[in-house]
Amino acid sequence: MFLGEDLLAWLVLALGGALFAGNMLAVVKPPPAAKEGDLARAPVVRSVGMALVGLVAAVWSLASLISG
């Protein structure tokens, strides 16, 4: 296969990790200066929920890569 047999698992690991990291950083450290019309901080419940989805995807794909 082009780029390896585990390409889908690597892509899910990358996207899940980015989803987790980005949402958690948005909750922990919001941007310093917001433009007019932007939210002052990220919605906490939605951000944590999406971070959990990313964490589950990353852990699942990592388990798939380790198990073979």
N, C-alpha and C. Protein backbone atom coordinates (compact mmCIF):
# COMPACT_ATOMS: atom_id res chain seq x y z
N MET A 1 0.84 -1.18 0.00
CA MET A 1 0.00 0.00 0.00
C MET A 1 0.89 1.25 0.00
N PHE A 2 0.38 2.30 -0.60
CA PHE A 2 1.14 3.56 -0.70
C PHE A 2 1.40 4.15 0.67
N LEU A 3 2.33 4.46 1.25
CA LEU A 3 2.59 5.03 2.58
C LEU A 3 2.37 4.07 3.74
N GLY A 4 2.25 2.79 3.51
CA GLY A 4 2.19 1.82 4.61
C GLY A 4 0.82 1.26 4.87
N GLU A 5 0.83 0.15 5.57
CA GLU A 5 -0.42 -0.55 5.88
C GLU A 5 -1.21 0.14 6.99
N ASP A 6 -0.55 0.89 7.84
CA ASP A 6 -1.21 1.51 8.99
C ASP A 6 -1.47 2.99 8.80
N LEU A 7 -1.64 3.42 7.59
CA LEU A 7 -1.81 4.85 7.31
C LEU A 7 -3.03 5.41 8.01
N LEU A 8 -4.15 4.72 7.98
CA LEU A 8 -5.38 5.22 8.59
C LEU A 8 -5.21 5.36 10.10
N ALA A 9 -4.56 4.41 10.74
CA ALA A 9 -4.35 4.50 12.19
C ALA A 9 -3.44 5.68 12.54
N TRP A 10 -2.41 5.93 11.73
CA TRP A 10 -1.53 7.08 11.97
C TRP A 10 -2.28 8.39 11.79
N LEU A 11 -3.13 8.46 10.79
CA LEU A 11 -3.91 9.68 10.56
C LEU A 11 -4.90 9.94 11.69
N VAL A 12 -5.55 8.89 12.18
CA VAL A 12 -6.48 9.05 13.29
C VAL A 12 -5.73 9.45 14.56
N LEU A 13 -4.54 8.90 14.76
CA LEU A 13 -3.72 9.29 15.90
C LEU A 13 -3.35 10.78 15.82
N ALA A 14 -2.96 11.24 14.67
CA ALA A 14 -2.58 12.64 14.50
C ALA A 14 -3.78 13.57 14.69
N LEU A 15 -4.90 13.25 14.08
CA LEU A 15 -6.08 14.10 14.20
C LEU A 15 -6.66 14.07 15.61
N GLY A 16 -6.69 12.90 16.22
CA GLY A 16 -7.19 12.80 17.59
C GLY A 16 -6.32 13.56 18.57
N GLY A 17 -5.00 13.44 18.40
CA GLY A 17 -4.10 14.18 19.27
C GLY A 17 -4.22 15.68 19.10
N ALA A 18 -4.36 16.11 17.87
CA ALA A 18 -4.53 17.55 17.60
C ALA A 18 -5.86 18.06 18.15
N LEU A 19 -6.90 17.27 18.02
CA LEU A 19 -8.21 17.65 18.55
C LEU A 19 -8.15 17.78 20.06
N PHE A 20 -7.49 16.82 20.71
CA PHE A 20 -7.36 16.87 22.17
C PHE A 20 -6.52 18.07 22.60
N ALA A 21 -5.36 18.22 22.02
CA ALA A 21 -4.45 19.30 22.44
C ALA A 21 -5.03 20.68 22.17
N GLY A 22 -5.60 20.86 21.00
CA GLY A 22 -6.15 22.18 20.65
C GLY A 22 -7.30 22.60 21.54
N ASN A 23 -8.20 21.68 21.82
CA ASN A 23 -9.34 22.04 22.66
C ASN A 23 -8.94 22.25 24.12
N MET A 24 -8.02 21.46 24.61
CA MET A 24 -7.60 21.65 26.00
C MET A 24 -6.81 22.95 26.15
N LEU A 25 -6.00 23.29 25.17
CA LEU A 25 -5.27 24.56 25.25
C LEU A 25 -6.22 25.75 25.14
N ALA A 26 -7.29 25.61 24.38
CA ALA A 26 -8.27 26.69 24.27
C ALA A 26 -8.96 26.93 25.61
N VAL A 27 -9.14 25.87 26.40
CA VAL A 27 -9.78 26.03 27.71
C VAL A 27 -8.77 26.56 28.73
N VAL A 28 -7.57 26.00 28.72
CA VAL A 28 -6.57 26.36 29.74
C VAL A 28 -6.00 27.75 29.50
N LYS A 29 -5.67 28.06 28.25
CA LYS A 29 -5.02 29.34 27.95
C LYS A 29 -5.70 30.00 26.75
N PRO A 30 -6.73 30.78 27.00
CA PRO A 30 -7.41 31.46 25.88
C PRO A 30 -6.50 32.50 25.24
N PRO A 31 -6.81 32.92 24.01
CA PRO A 31 -5.98 33.93 23.34
C PRO A 31 -5.97 35.24 24.13
N PRO A 32 -4.87 35.96 24.10
CA PRO A 32 -4.75 37.18 24.92
C PRO A 32 -5.69 38.31 24.50
N ALA A 33 -5.81 38.58 23.23
CA ALA A 33 -6.64 39.69 22.78
C ALA A 33 -7.68 39.19 21.79
N ALA A 34 -8.93 39.40 22.12
CA ALA A 34 -10.01 38.98 21.23
C ALA A 34 -10.48 40.16 20.40
N LYS A 35 -10.80 39.90 19.14
CA LYS A 35 -11.34 40.94 18.27
C LYS A 35 -12.80 41.18 18.65
N GLU A 36 -13.34 42.23 18.17
CA GLU A 36 -14.74 42.52 18.46
C GLU A 36 -15.63 41.45 17.83
N GLY A 37 -16.53 40.90 18.59
CA GLY A 37 -17.42 39.86 18.11
C GLY A 37 -16.93 38.45 18.42
N ASP A 38 -15.67 38.31 18.84
CA ASP A 38 -15.15 36.99 19.23
C ASP A 38 -15.51 36.70 20.68
N LEU A 39 -15.53 35.42 21.00
CA LEU A 39 -15.76 35.03 22.39
C LEU A 39 -14.51 35.32 23.21
N ALA A 40 -14.71 35.71 24.47
CA ALA A 40 -13.57 35.99 25.34
C ALA A 40 -12.84 34.70 25.70
N ARG A 41 -13.58 33.60 25.83
CA ARG A 41 -12.97 32.30 26.11
C ARG A 41 -13.81 31.21 25.44
N ALA A 42 -13.22 30.07 25.29
CA ALA A 42 -13.89 28.96 24.61
C ALA A 42 -15.01 28.39 25.49
N PRO A 43 -16.09 27.89 24.88
CA PRO A 43 -17.13 27.22 25.66
C PRO A 43 -16.54 25.96 26.31
N VAL A 44 -16.57 25.90 27.62
CA VAL A 44 -15.85 24.86 28.36
C VAL A 44 -16.44 23.48 28.11
N VAL A 45 -17.74 23.34 28.19
CA VAL A 45 -18.35 22.01 28.06
C VAL A 45 -18.12 21.44 26.66
N ARG A 46 -18.32 22.26 25.64
CA ARG A 46 -18.10 21.79 24.28
C ARG A 46 -16.64 21.46 24.02
N SER A 47 -15.75 22.30 24.53
CA SER A 47 -14.32 22.07 24.31
C SER A 47 -13.84 20.81 25.01
N VAL A 48 -14.27 20.60 26.24
CA VAL A 48 -13.87 19.39 26.96
C VAL A 48 -14.47 18.15 26.31
N GLY A 49 -15.70 18.26 25.84
CA GLY A 49 -16.33 17.13 25.13
C GLY A 49 -15.58 16.76 23.87
N MET A 50 -15.21 17.76 23.09
CA MET A 50 -14.46 17.48 21.87
C MET A 50 -13.05 16.97 22.18
N ALA A 51 -12.46 17.45 23.27
CA ALA A 51 -11.15 16.95 23.69
C ALA A 51 -11.25 15.48 24.07
N LEU A 52 -12.33 15.09 24.72
CA LEU A 52 -12.51 13.67 25.07
C LEU A 52 -12.68 12.81 23.82
N VAL A 53 -13.38 13.33 22.83
CA VAL A 53 -13.51 12.59 21.57
C VAL A 53 -12.14 12.40 20.92
N GLY A 54 -11.34 13.44 20.92
CA GLY A 54 -9.98 13.35 20.38
C GLY A 54 -9.11 12.39 21.16
N LEU A 55 -9.24 12.40 22.49
CA LEU A 55 -8.46 11.49 23.32
C LEU A 55 -8.84 10.04 23.06
N VAL A 56 -10.13 9.76 22.95
CA VAL A 56 -10.57 8.39 22.65
C VAL A 56 -10.04 7.94 21.29
N ALA A 57 -10.11 8.80 20.30
CA ALA A 57 -9.61 8.45 18.97
C ALA A 57 -8.11 8.18 19.00
N ALA A 58 -7.37 9.02 19.71
CA ALA A 58 -5.91 8.85 19.77
C ALA A 58 -5.53 7.58 20.51
N VAL A 59 -6.18 7.31 21.62
CA VAL A 59 -5.88 6.10 22.39
C VAL A 59 -6.25 4.85 21.61
N TRP A 60 -7.39 4.88 20.94
CA TRP A 60 -7.84 3.74 20.15
C TRP A 60 -6.85 3.46 19.01
N SER A 61 -6.43 4.49 18.31
CA SER A 61 -5.50 4.27 17.20
C SER A 61 -4.13 3.85 17.69
N LEU A 62 -3.71 4.37 18.84
CA LEU A 62 -2.44 3.95 19.41
C LEU A 62 -2.49 2.47 19.81
N ALA A 63 -3.61 2.05 20.37
CA ALA A 63 -3.79 0.64 20.72
C ALA A 63 -3.79 -0.23 19.47
N SER A 64 -4.39 0.25 18.40
CA SER A 64 -4.39 -0.50 17.14
C SER A 64 -2.99 -0.63 16.57
N LEU A 65 -2.20 0.43 16.67
CA LEU A 65 -0.83 0.37 16.17
C LEU A 65 0.05 -0.55 17.01
N ILE A 66 -0.13 -0.53 18.32
CA ILE A 66 0.68 -1.37 19.19
C ILE A 66 0.32 -2.84 19.05
N SER A 67 -0.98 -3.12 18.92
CA SER A 67 -1.41 -4.52 18.85
C SER A 67 -1.05 -5.18 17.53
N GLY A 68 -0.75 -4.38 16.55
CA GLY A 68 -0.27 -4.99 15.32
C GLY A 68 -1.14 -4.88 14.17
